[in-house]
Amino acid sequence: MSENNCCCCGSVDTCADDREQKLQEIIAKYKNTRGALIPVLHEAQEVYGYLPMSVQKKISEGLNVPLTEIYGVVTFYTQFSLNPKGKYKISVCMGTACYVKGAGQILDKLKEKLGIHAGECTEDGLFSLDACRCIGACGLAPVITINEDVYGRLNADDVEGILKKYME
């Protein structure tokens, strides 16, 4: 999906204009509020689905905050993303228990089947793939989540069947 395509309807012009207007409203709402950067980034990410550099620049100009500071915050906190997310967000737990029980092989299989690396989104916008530190389900290791669905006690051979559920 291109940076200007709408995550909802795919329209380039109308939706991009709507998102731009919403971003300007968010910036205006927080313009003179101390400590507003993180709330602005959260709301901007809700509008765009991620925080591309063009959005970070507009926030920088609107709040009069250096772009380097904004980029530092976006890359420090894991809840912010520089890349678009898919309809189905896959997270592979790479915490110690999951890693020891084969999470690396599961991640490799997902990368192979989806044709993307961790941190990327498939061209059709259906799947995005991330590796995370720990999701707190060590007893089910290794674990992946797809949106709110949790899959545990997996091996690499389970990946194809799980993905098929979301492709239909």
C-alpha atoms as a PDB file:
ATOM      1  CA  MET A   1       0.000   0.000   0.000  1.00  0.00           C
ATOM      2  CA  SER A   2       1.397   3.400  -0.882  1.00  0.00           C
ATOM      3  CA  GLU A   3       1.800   6.029   1.803  1.00  0.00           C
ATOM      4  CA  ASN A   4      -1.106   8.048   0.415  1.00  0.00           C
ATOM      5  CA  ASN A   5      -3.563   5.190  -0.088  1.00  0.00           C
ATOM      6  CA  CYS A   6      -6.333   5.004   2.439  1.00  0.00           C
ATOM      7  CA  CYS A   7      -6.231   2.011   4.737  1.00  0.00           C
ATOM      8  CA  CYS A   8     -10.043   1.832   4.562  1.00  0.00           C
ATOM      9  CA  CYS A   9     -11.077   2.437   0.982  1.00  0.00           C
ATOM     10  CA  GLY A  10      -7.819   2.541  -1.001  1.00  0.00           C
ATOM     11  CA  SER A  11      -8.694   5.922  -2.506  1.00  0.00           C
ATOM     12  CA  VAL A  12      -5.679   8.132  -2.993  1.00  0.00           C
ATOM     13  CA  ASP A  13      -7.152  11.638  -3.100  1.00  0.00           C
ATOM     14  CA  THR A  14     -10.294  11.826  -0.953  1.00  0.00           C
ATOM     15  CA  CYS A  15      -9.062   9.778   1.961  1.00  0.00           C
ATOM     16  CA  ALA A  16      -5.607  11.414   1.944  1.00  0.00           C
ATOM     17  CA  ASP A  17      -7.323  14.793   2.229  1.00  0.00           C
ATOM     18  CA  ASP A  18      -9.482  13.521   5.120  1.00  0.00           C
ATOM     19  CA  ARG A  19      -6.454  12.160   6.958  1.00  0.00           C
ATOM     20  CA  GLU A  20      -4.522  15.394   6.401  1.00  0.00           C
ATOM     21  CA  GLN A  21      -7.420  17.393   7.840  1.00  0.00           C
ATOM     22  CA  LYS A  22      -7.672  15.085  10.876  1.00  0.00           C
ATOM     23  CA  LEU A  23      -3.936  15.395  11.473  1.00  0.00           C
ATOM     24  CA  GLN A  24      -4.165  19.187  11.385  1.00  0.00           C
ATOM     25  CA  GLU A  25      -7.067  19.057  13.878  1.00  0.00           C
ATOM     26  CA  ILE A  26      -5.019  16.836  16.215  1.00  0.00           C
ATOM     27  CA  ILE A  27      -2.031  19.180  16.034  1.00  0.00           C
ATOM     28  CA  ALA A  28      -4.270  22.223  16.652  1.00  0.00           C
ATOM     29  CA  LYS A  29      -5.888  20.525  19.665  1.00  0.00           C
ATOM     30  CA  TYR A  30      -2.498  20.009  21.359  1.00  0.00           C
ATOM     31  CA  LYS A  31      -0.594  22.991  19.905  1.00  0.00           C
ATOM     32  CA  ASN A  32       0.130  24.771  23.192  1.00  0.00           C
ATOM     33  CA  THR A  33       0.049  21.779  25.536  1.00  0.00           C
ATOM     34  CA  ARG A  34       3.234  20.711  27.280  1.00  0.00           C
ATOM     35  CA  GLY A  35       4.075  17.029  26.905  1.00  0.00           C
ATOM     36  CA  ALA A  36       1.685  16.640  23.979  1.00  0.00           C
ATOM     37  CA  LEU A  37       4.029  14.784  21.641  1.00  0.00           C
ATOM     38  CA  ILE A  38       3.092  11.226  22.621  1.00  0.00           C
ATOM     39  CA  PRO A  39      -0.688  11.841  22.550  1.00  0.00           C
ATOM     40  CA  VAL A  40      -0.323  13.525  19.141  1.00  0.00           C
ATOM     41  CA  LEU A  41       1.714  10.579  17.836  1.00  0.00           C
ATOM     42  CA  HIS A  42      -0.879   8.103  19.155  1.00  0.00           C
ATOM     43  CA  GLU A  43      -3.749   9.942  17.518  1.00  0.00           C
ATOM     44  CA  ALA A  44      -1.835  10.435  14.274  1.00  0.00           C
ATOM     45  CA  GLN A  45      -1.067   6.718  14.144  1.00  0.00           C
ATOM     46  CA  GLU A  46      -4.765   5.970  14.661  1.00  0.00           C
ATOM     47  CA  VAL A  47      -5.519   8.118  11.606  1.00  0.00           C
ATOM     48  CA  TYR A  48      -2.753   6.794   9.320  1.00  0.00           C
ATOM     49  CA  GLY A  49      -2.161   3.312  10.755  1.00  0.00           C
ATOM     50  CA  TYR A  50       1.551   4.126  11.130  1.00  0.00           C
ATOM     51  CA  LEU A  51       3.837   7.174  11.291  1.00  0.00           C
ATOM     52  CA  PRO A  52       5.530   7.815   7.942  1.00  0.00           C
ATOM     53  CA  MET A  53       8.199  10.519   7.770  1.00  0.00           C
ATOM     54  CA  SER A  54       5.790  12.915   6.017  1.00  0.00           C
ATOM     55  CA  VAL A  55       3.453  12.763   9.043  1.00  0.00           C
ATOM     56  CA  GLN A  56       6.354  13.183  11.474  1.00  0.00           C
ATOM     57  CA  LYS A  57       7.452  16.309   9.556  1.00  0.00           C
ATOM     58  CA  LYS A  58       3.964  17.822   9.769  1.00  0.00           C
ATOM     59  CA  ILE A  59       3.847  17.132  13.509  1.00  0.00           C
ATOM     60  CA  SER A  60       7.320  18.644  13.888  1.00  0.00           C
ATOM     61  CA  GLU A  61       6.260  21.826  12.100  1.00  0.00           C
ATOM     62  CA  GLY A  62       2.880  22.018  13.833  1.00  0.00           C
ATOM     63  CA  LEU A  63       4.151  21.509  17.380  1.00  0.00           C
ATOM     64  CA  ASN A  64       7.508  23.217  16.821  1.00  0.00           C
ATOM     65  CA  VAL A  65       9.326  20.086  18.034  1.00  0.00           C
ATOM     66  CA  PRO A  66      12.550  19.042  16.292  1.00  0.00           C
ATOM     67  CA  LEU A  67      12.056  16.193  13.833  1.00  0.00           C
ATOM     68  CA  THR A  68      14.973  14.335  15.458  1.00  0.00           C
ATOM     69  CA  GLU A  69      13.105  14.332  18.776  1.00  0.00           C
ATOM     70  CA  ILE A  70       9.949  13.000  17.142  1.00  0.00           C
ATOM     71  CA  TYR A  71      11.865  10.293  15.291  1.00  0.00           C
ATOM     72  CA  GLY A  72      13.617   9.345  18.530  1.00  0.00           C
ATOM     73  CA  VAL A  73      10.292   8.900  20.328  1.00  0.00           C
ATOM     74  CA  VAL A  74       8.733   6.958  17.427  1.00  0.00           C
ATOM     75  CA  THR A  75      11.674   4.542  17.205  1.00  0.00           C
ATOM     76  CA  PHE A  76      12.039   4.155  20.997  1.00  0.00           C
ATOM     77  CA  TYR A  77       8.482   3.127  21.864  1.00  0.00           C
ATOM     78  CA  THR A  78       7.296  -0.161  20.398  1.00  0.00           C
ATOM     79  CA  GLN A  79       3.675   0.966  20.094  1.00  0.00           C
ATOM     80  CA  PHE A  80       4.683   3.304  17.267  1.00  0.00           C
ATOM     81  CA  SER A  81       5.386   2.026  13.778  1.00  0.00           C
ATOM     82  CA  LEU A  82       7.303   3.508  10.861  1.00  0.00           C
ATOM     83  CA  ASN A  83       5.773   0.959   8.499  1.00  0.00           C
ATOM     84  CA  PRO A  84       2.175   0.252   7.505  1.00  0.00           C
ATOM     85  CA  LYS A  85       0.444  -2.600   9.302  1.00  0.00           C
ATOM     86  CA  GLY A  86      -1.656  -5.247   7.635  1.00  0.00           C
ATOM     87  CA  LYS A  87      -5.259  -6.140   8.289  1.00  0.00           C
ATOM     88  CA  TYR A  88      -3.833  -9.092  10.226  1.00  0.00           C
ATOM     89  CA  LYS A  89      -0.950  -8.154  12.507  1.00  0.00           C
ATOM     90  CA  ILE A  90       1.217 -11.171  13.269  1.00  0.00           C
ATOM     91  CA  SER A  91       3.564 -11.008  16.259  1.00  0.00           C
ATOM     92  CA  VAL A  92       6.018 -13.795  16.962  1.00  0.00           C
ATOM     93  CA  CYS A  93       7.104 -13.934  20.578  1.00  0.00           C
ATOM     94  CA  MET A  94      10.886 -14.106  20.762  1.00  0.00           C
ATOM     95  CA  GLY A  95      11.096 -14.158  24.569  1.00  0.00           C
ATOM     96  CA  THR A  96      13.407 -16.733  26.125  1.00  0.00           C
ATOM     97  CA  ALA A  97      10.863 -19.555  26.537  1.00  0.00           C
ATOM     98  CA  CYS A  98       9.488 -19.122  23.017  1.00  0.00           C
ATOM     99  CA  TYR A  99      12.918 -18.731  21.452  1.00  0.00           C
ATOM    100  CA  VAL A 100      14.268 -21.869  23.131  1.00  0.00           C
ATOM    101  CA  LYS A 101      11.232 -23.847  21.943  1.00  0.00           C
ATOM    102  CA  GLY A 102      11.552 -22.854  18.278  1.00  0.00           C
ATOM    103  CA  ALA A 103      10.147 -19.358  17.725  1.00  0.00           C
ATOM    104  CA  GLY A 104      13.018 -18.627  15.329  1.00  0.00           C
ATOM    105  CA  GLN A 105      11.908 -21.416  12.999  1.00  0.00           C
ATOM    106  CA  ILE A 106       8.306 -20.213  13.181  1.00  0.00           C
ATOM    107  CA  LEU A 107       9.403 -16.679  12.281  1.00  0.00           C
ATOM    108  CA  ASP A 108      11.472 -18.035   9.387  1.00  0.00           C
ATOM    109  CA  LYS A 109       8.481 -20.028   8.097  1.00  0.00           C
ATOM    110  CA  LEU A 110       6.215 -16.962   8.315  1.00  0.00           C
ATOM    111  CA  LYS A 111       8.777 -14.877   6.415  1.00  0.00           C
ATOM    112  CA  GLU A 112       8.982 -17.575   3.742  1.00  0.00           C
ATOM    113  CA  LYS A 113       5.208 -18.003   3.366  1.00  0.00           C
ATOM    114  CA  LEU A 114       4.412 -14.268   3.415  1.00  0.00           C
ATOM    115  CA  GLY A 115       7.425 -13.130   1.407  1.00  0.00           C
ATOM    116  CA  ILE A 116       8.248 -10.376   3.904  1.00  0.00           C
ATOM    117  CA  HIS A 117      10.646  -9.740   6.769  1.00  0.00           C
ATOM    118  CA  ALA A 118       9.807  -8.737  10.343  1.00  0.00           C
ATOM    119  CA  GLY A 119       8.647  -5.122  10.378  1.00  0.00           C
ATOM    120  CA  GLU A 120       7.099  -5.343   6.902  1.00  0.00           C
ATOM    121  CA  CYS A 121       3.633  -5.621   5.407  1.00  0.00           C
ATOM    122  CA  THR A 122       2.553  -7.764   2.470  1.00  0.00           C
ATOM    123  CA  GLU A 123       1.900  -5.865  -0.755  1.00  0.00           C
ATOM    124  CA  ASP A 124      -1.827  -6.597  -0.582  1.00  0.00           C
ATOM    125  CA  GLY A 125      -1.998  -5.117   2.935  1.00  0.00           C
ATOM    126  CA  LEU A 126      -3.364  -8.345   4.380  1.00  0.00           C
ATOM    127  CA  PHE A 127      -0.522  -9.314   6.745  1.00  0.00           C
ATOM    128  CA  SER A 128       2.202  -7.536   8.673  1.00  0.00           C
ATOM    129  CA  LEU A 129       4.876  -9.386  10.606  1.00  0.00           C
ATOM    130  CA  ASP A 130       6.706  -8.399  13.776  1.00  0.00           C
ATOM    131  CA  ALA A 131       8.893 -10.081  16.352  1.00  0.00           C
ATOM    132  CA  CYS A 132       8.208  -9.054  19.940  1.00  0.00           C
ATOM    133  CA  ARG A 133      10.038  -9.634  23.215  1.00  0.00           C
ATOM    134  CA  CYS A 134       7.472 -11.425  25.382  1.00  0.00           C
ATOM    135  CA  ILE A 135       3.700 -11.625  25.384  1.00  0.00           C
ATOM    136  CA  GLY A 136       3.436 -13.310  28.785  1.00  0.00           C
ATOM    137  CA  ALA A 137       2.236 -16.722  27.620  1.00  0.00           C
ATOM    138  CA  CYS A 138       5.410 -18.668  28.404  1.00  0.00           C
ATOM    139  CA  GLY A 139       3.463 -21.791  29.335  1.00  0.00           C
ATOM    140  CA  LEU A 140       2.226 -21.969  25.730  1.00  0.00           C
ATOM    141  CA  ALA A 141       5.656 -21.420  24.148  1.00  0.00           C
ATOM    142  CA  PRO A 142       6.290 -20.887  21.333  1.00  0.00           C
ATOM    143  CA  VAL A 143       3.497 -18.382  20.734  1.00  0.00           C
ATOM    144  CA  ILE A 144       2.299 -16.082  17.967  1.00  0.00           C
ATOM    145  CA  THR A 145      -0.584 -13.645  17.965  1.00  0.00           C
ATOM    146  CA  ILE A 146      -2.634 -12.576  14.985  1.00  0.00           C
ATOM    147  CA  ASN A 147      -4.509  -9.476  16.044  1.00  0.00           C
ATOM    148  CA  GLU A 148      -6.192 -10.690  19.264  1.00  0.00           C
ATOM    149  CA  ASP A 149      -5.943 -14.428  18.490  1.00  0.00           C
ATOM    150  CA  VAL A 150      -3.253 -16.395  20.367  1.00  0.00           C
ATOM    151  CA  TYR A 151      -1.666 -19.566  18.980  1.00  0.00           C
ATOM    152  CA  GLY A 152       0.560 -21.595  21.263  1.00  0.00           C
ATOM    153  CA  ARG A 153       2.633 -24.773  21.419  1.00  0.00           C
ATOM    154  CA  LEU A 154       3.455 -24.292  17.754  1.00  0.00           C
ATOM    155  CA  ASN A 155       6.000 -25.666  15.370  1.00  0.00           C
ATOM    156  CA  ALA A 156       6.931 -24.420  11.918  1.00  0.00           C
ATOM    157  CA  ASP A 157       4.612 -26.957  10.270  1.00  0.00           C
ATOM    158  CA  ASP A 158       1.581 -25.259  11.901  1.00  0.00           C
ATOM    159  CA  VAL A 159       2.184 -21.930  10.130  1.00  0.00           C
ATOM    160  CA  GLU A 160       0.598 -22.735   6.778  1.00  0.00           C
ATOM    161  CA  GLY A 161      -2.669 -23.949   8.305  1.00  0.00           C
ATOM    162  CA  ILE A 162      -2.946 -20.901  10.548  1.00  0.00           C
ATOM    163  CA  LEU A 163      -2.356 -18.480   7.665  1.00  0.00           C
ATOM    164  CA  LYS A 164      -5.018 -20.213   5.548  1.00  0.00           C
ATOM    165  CA  LYS A 165      -7.688 -19.273   8.117  1.00  0.00           C
ATOM    166  CA  TYR A 166      -6.984 -15.591   7.477  1.00  0.00           C
ATOM    167  CA  MET A 167      -6.654 -15.826   3.696  1.00  0.00           C
ATOM    168  CA  GLU A 168     -10.250 -16.993   3.231  1.00  0.00           C
END
